[in-house]
C-alpha atoms as a PDB file:
ATOM      1  CA  MET A   1     -48.900 142.611  79.535  1.00  0.00           C
ATOM      2  CA  THR A   2     -46.375 140.019  78.611  1.00  0.00           C
ATOM      3  CA  GLU A   3     -42.755 140.697  77.904  1.00  0.00           C
ATOM      4  CA  ASN A   4     -43.436 140.136  74.200  1.00  0.00           C
ATOM      5  CA  ALA A   5     -46.056 142.875  74.406  1.00  0.00           C
ATOM      6  CA  ASP A   6     -43.254 145.284  75.383  1.00  0.00           C
ATOM      7  CA  GLU A   7     -42.035 145.325  71.775  1.00  0.00           C
ATOM      8  CA  GLY A   8     -43.103 148.376  69.794  1.00  0.00           C
ATOM      9  CA  LEU A   9     -44.090 150.479  72.809  1.00  0.00           C
ATOM     10  CA  SER A  10     -43.291 154.184  72.920  1.00  0.00           C
ATOM     11  CA  GLN A  11     -40.297 155.243  74.996  1.00  0.00           C
ATOM     12  CA  GLU A  12     -42.618 156.899  77.540  1.00  0.00           C
ATOM     13  CA  VAL A  13     -44.617 153.688  78.004  1.00  0.00           C
ATOM     14  CA  GLU A  14     -41.408 151.629  78.244  1.00  0.00           C
ATOM     15  CA  ASP A  15     -40.104 154.042  80.917  1.00  0.00           C
ATOM     16  CA  VAL A  16     -43.336 153.710  82.920  1.00  0.00           C
ATOM     17  CA  LEU A  17     -43.269 149.930  82.575  1.00  0.00           C
ATOM     18  CA  GLU A  18     -39.670 149.806  83.780  1.00  0.00           C
ATOM     19  CA  ALA A  19     -40.447 152.101  86.740  1.00  0.00           C
ATOM     20  CA  LEU A  20     -43.400 149.903  87.709  1.00  0.00           C
ATOM     21  CA  ARG A  21     -40.990 147.007  88.188  1.00  0.00           C
ATOM     22  CA  ASP A  22     -40.164 148.778  91.497  1.00  0.00           C
ATOM     23  CA  VAL A  23     -43.787 148.371  92.634  1.00  0.00           C
ATOM     24  CA  VAL A  24     -43.914 145.137  94.604  1.00  0.00           C
ATOM     25  CA  ASP A  25     -47.011 143.197  95.589  1.00  0.00           C
ATOM     26  CA  PRO A  26     -46.691 143.227  99.393  1.00  0.00           C
ATOM     27  CA  GLU A  27     -48.129 139.724  99.799  1.00  0.00           C
ATOM     28  CA  LEU A  28     -45.998 137.931  97.206  1.00  0.00           C
ATOM     29  CA  GLY A  29     -42.887 140.120  97.082  1.00  0.00           C
ATOM     30  CA  ILE A  30     -42.913 140.129  93.254  1.00  0.00           C
ATOM     31  CA  ASN A  31     -43.263 143.284  91.157  1.00  0.00           C
ATOM     32  CA  VAL A  32     -46.619 144.099  89.574  1.00  0.00           C
ATOM     33  CA  VAL A  33     -45.246 143.910  86.024  1.00  0.00           C
ATOM     34  CA  ASP A  34     -43.905 140.364  86.361  1.00  0.00           C
ATOM     35  CA  LEU A  35     -47.063 139.292  88.187  1.00  0.00           C
ATOM     36  CA  GLY A  36     -49.041 140.409  85.129  1.00  0.00           C
ATOM     37  CA  LEU A  37     -51.081 142.969  87.054  1.00  0.00           C
ATOM     38  CA  VAL A  38     -50.452 145.774  84.531  1.00  0.00           C
ATOM     39  CA  TYR A  39     -52.998 145.453  81.737  1.00  0.00           C
ATOM     40  CA  GLY A  40     -52.255 148.683  79.891  1.00  0.00           C
ATOM     41  CA  ILE A  41     -50.348 151.974  79.964  1.00  0.00           C
ATOM     42  CA  GLU A  42     -51.043 155.214  78.126  1.00  0.00           C
ATOM     43  CA  VAL A  43     -48.996 158.382  78.406  1.00  0.00           C
ATOM     44  CA  ASP A  44     -50.496 161.580  77.005  1.00  0.00           C
ATOM     45  CA  ALA A  45     -48.756 164.685  75.623  1.00  0.00           C
ATOM     46  CA  ASP A  46     -48.627 166.218  79.120  1.00  0.00           C
ATOM     47  CA  LYS A  47     -46.794 163.112  80.404  1.00  0.00           C
ATOM     48  CA  ILE A  48     -49.798 162.006  82.443  1.00  0.00           C
ATOM     49  CA  ALA A  49     -49.924 158.221  82.609  1.00  0.00           C
ATOM     50  CA  THR A  50     -53.099 156.191  82.789  1.00  0.00           C
ATOM     51  CA  LEU A  51     -52.488 152.685  84.078  1.00  0.00           C
ATOM     52  CA  ASP A  52     -54.955 149.849  83.673  1.00  0.00           C
ATOM     53  CA  MET A  53     -54.132 147.491  86.503  1.00  0.00           C
ATOM     54  CA  THR A  54     -55.719 144.637  88.349  1.00  0.00           C
ATOM     55  CA  LEU A  55     -55.013 142.733  91.511  1.00  0.00           C
ATOM     56  CA  THR A  56     -54.853 139.019  92.172  1.00  0.00           C
ATOM     57  CA  SER A  57     -58.251 139.385  93.878  1.00  0.00           C
ATOM     58  CA  ALA A  58     -60.939 142.079  93.765  1.00  0.00           C
ATOM     59  CA  ALA A  59     -61.098 141.774  97.567  1.00  0.00           C
ATOM     60  CA  CYS A  60     -57.404 142.650  97.920  1.00  0.00           C
ATOM     61  CA  PRO A  61     -57.040 145.456 100.497  1.00  0.00           C
ATOM     62  CA  LEU A  62     -53.689 146.638  99.139  1.00  0.00           C
ATOM     63  CA  THR A  63     -54.731 149.173  96.480  1.00  0.00           C
ATOM     64  CA  ASP A  64     -53.484 152.080  98.625  1.00  0.00           C
ATOM     65  CA  VAL A  65     -50.109 150.429  99.179  1.00  0.00           C
ATOM     66  CA  ILE A  66     -49.667 149.775  95.460  1.00  0.00           C
ATOM     67  CA  GLU A  67     -50.790 153.320  94.570  1.00  0.00           C
ATOM     68  CA  ASP A  68     -48.268 154.773  97.043  1.00  0.00           C
ATOM     69  CA  GLN A  69     -45.470 152.614  95.631  1.00  0.00           C
ATOM     70  CA  ALA A  70     -46.468 153.608  92.075  1.00  0.00           C
ATOM     71  CA  ARG A  71     -46.363 157.290  93.057  1.00  0.00           C
ATOM     72  CA  GLU A  72     -42.800 156.873  94.322  1.00  0.00           C
ATOM     73  CA  ALA A  73     -41.700 154.758  91.332  1.00  0.00           C
ATOM     74  CA  LEU A  74     -43.164 157.142  88.751  1.00  0.00           C
ATOM     75  CA  ASP A  75     -41.859 160.342  90.362  1.00  0.00           C
ATOM     76  CA  GLY A  76     -39.770 162.045  87.696  1.00  0.00           C
ATOM     77  CA  VAL A  77     -40.867 159.583  85.000  1.00  0.00           C
ATOM     78  CA  VAL A  78     -44.269 161.174  84.361  1.00  0.00           C
ATOM     79  CA  SER A  79     -45.867 164.409  85.554  1.00  0.00           C
ATOM     80  CA  ASP A  80     -48.832 162.572  87.079  1.00  0.00           C
ATOM     81  CA  PHE A  81     -50.681 159.278  86.849  1.00  0.00           C
ATOM     82  CA  ARG A  82     -53.924 157.581  87.643  1.00  0.00           C
ATOM     83  CA  ILE A  83     -54.755 153.931  88.042  1.00  0.00           C
ATOM     84  CA  ASN A  84     -57.889 152.415  86.573  1.00  0.00           C
ATOM     85  CA  TRP A  85     -58.524 149.296  88.625  1.00  0.00           C
ATOM     86  CA  VAL A  86     -59.773 146.732  86.119  1.00  0.00           C
ATOM     87  CA  TRP A  87     -61.444 143.464  87.079  1.00  0.00           C
ATOM     88  CA  MET A  88     -62.206 142.074  83.629  1.00  0.00           C
ATOM     89  CA  PRO A  89     -60.624 139.962  82.451  1.00  0.00           C
ATOM     90  CA  PRO A  90     -59.891 138.591  85.901  1.00  0.00           C
ATOM     91  CA  TRP A  91     -56.242 138.053  86.730  1.00  0.00           C
ATOM     92  CA  GLY A  92     -54.924 134.515  86.528  1.00  0.00           C
ATOM     93  CA  PRO A  93     -51.537 132.833  86.912  1.00  0.00           C
ATOM     94  CA  GLU A  94     -51.222 132.698  83.120  1.00  0.00           C
ATOM     95  CA  ASN A  95     -50.524 136.469  83.261  1.00  0.00           C
ATOM     96  CA  ILE A  96     -47.263 135.973  85.178  1.00  0.00           C
ATOM     97  CA  THR A  97     -44.124 136.569  83.094  1.00  0.00           C
ATOM     98  CA  GLU A  98     -41.351 133.994  82.961  1.00  0.00           C
ATOM     99  CA  ASP A  99     -39.257 136.245  85.256  1.00  0.00           C
ATOM    100  CA  GLY A 100     -42.163 136.325  87.698  1.00  0.00           C
ATOM    101  CA  ARG A 101     -42.478 132.536  87.535  1.00  0.00           C
ATOM    102  CA  GLU A 102     -38.777 132.135  88.328  1.00  0.00           C
ATOM    103  CA  GLN A 103     -39.087 134.505  91.288  1.00  0.00           C
ATOM    104  CA  LEU A 104     -42.123 132.625  92.605  1.00  0.00           C
ATOM    105  CA  ARG A 105     -40.338 129.287  92.218  1.00  0.00           C
ATOM    106  CA  ALA A 106     -37.401 130.715  94.201  1.00  0.00           C
ATOM    107  CA  LEU A 107     -39.891 131.546  96.979  1.00  0.00           C
ATOM    108  CA  GLY A 108     -41.134 127.960  96.982  1.00  0.00           C
ATOM    109  CA  PHE A 109     -44.277 128.340  94.873  1.00  0.00           C
ATOM    110  CA  ASN A 110     -44.990 125.508  92.445  1.00  0.00           C
ATOM    111  CA  ILE A 111     -45.873 127.381  89.272  1.00  0.00           C
END
């Protein structure tokens, strides 16, 4: 999802997206939204969110850490959630938002 893709989203989806900015990739220290790891969000009538997310690598061992952070971030925002880990299309640096790029540059990454 890019920041431009945020336009026209329902309030529930916007609230979930904003809450997910508190979920930080433990390796990079940047939130999953700005890293471009959130591919899609749906919130049903019962306020159950389904998140399509990916990781920078399918071999990444941090799914549990990210799920735990998401649980904390989404507490009170939705009644429940589940994450569909998606590997296609594969994540690439082109998915990083401009905010994410600025944060990475501040950490010394050349992006």
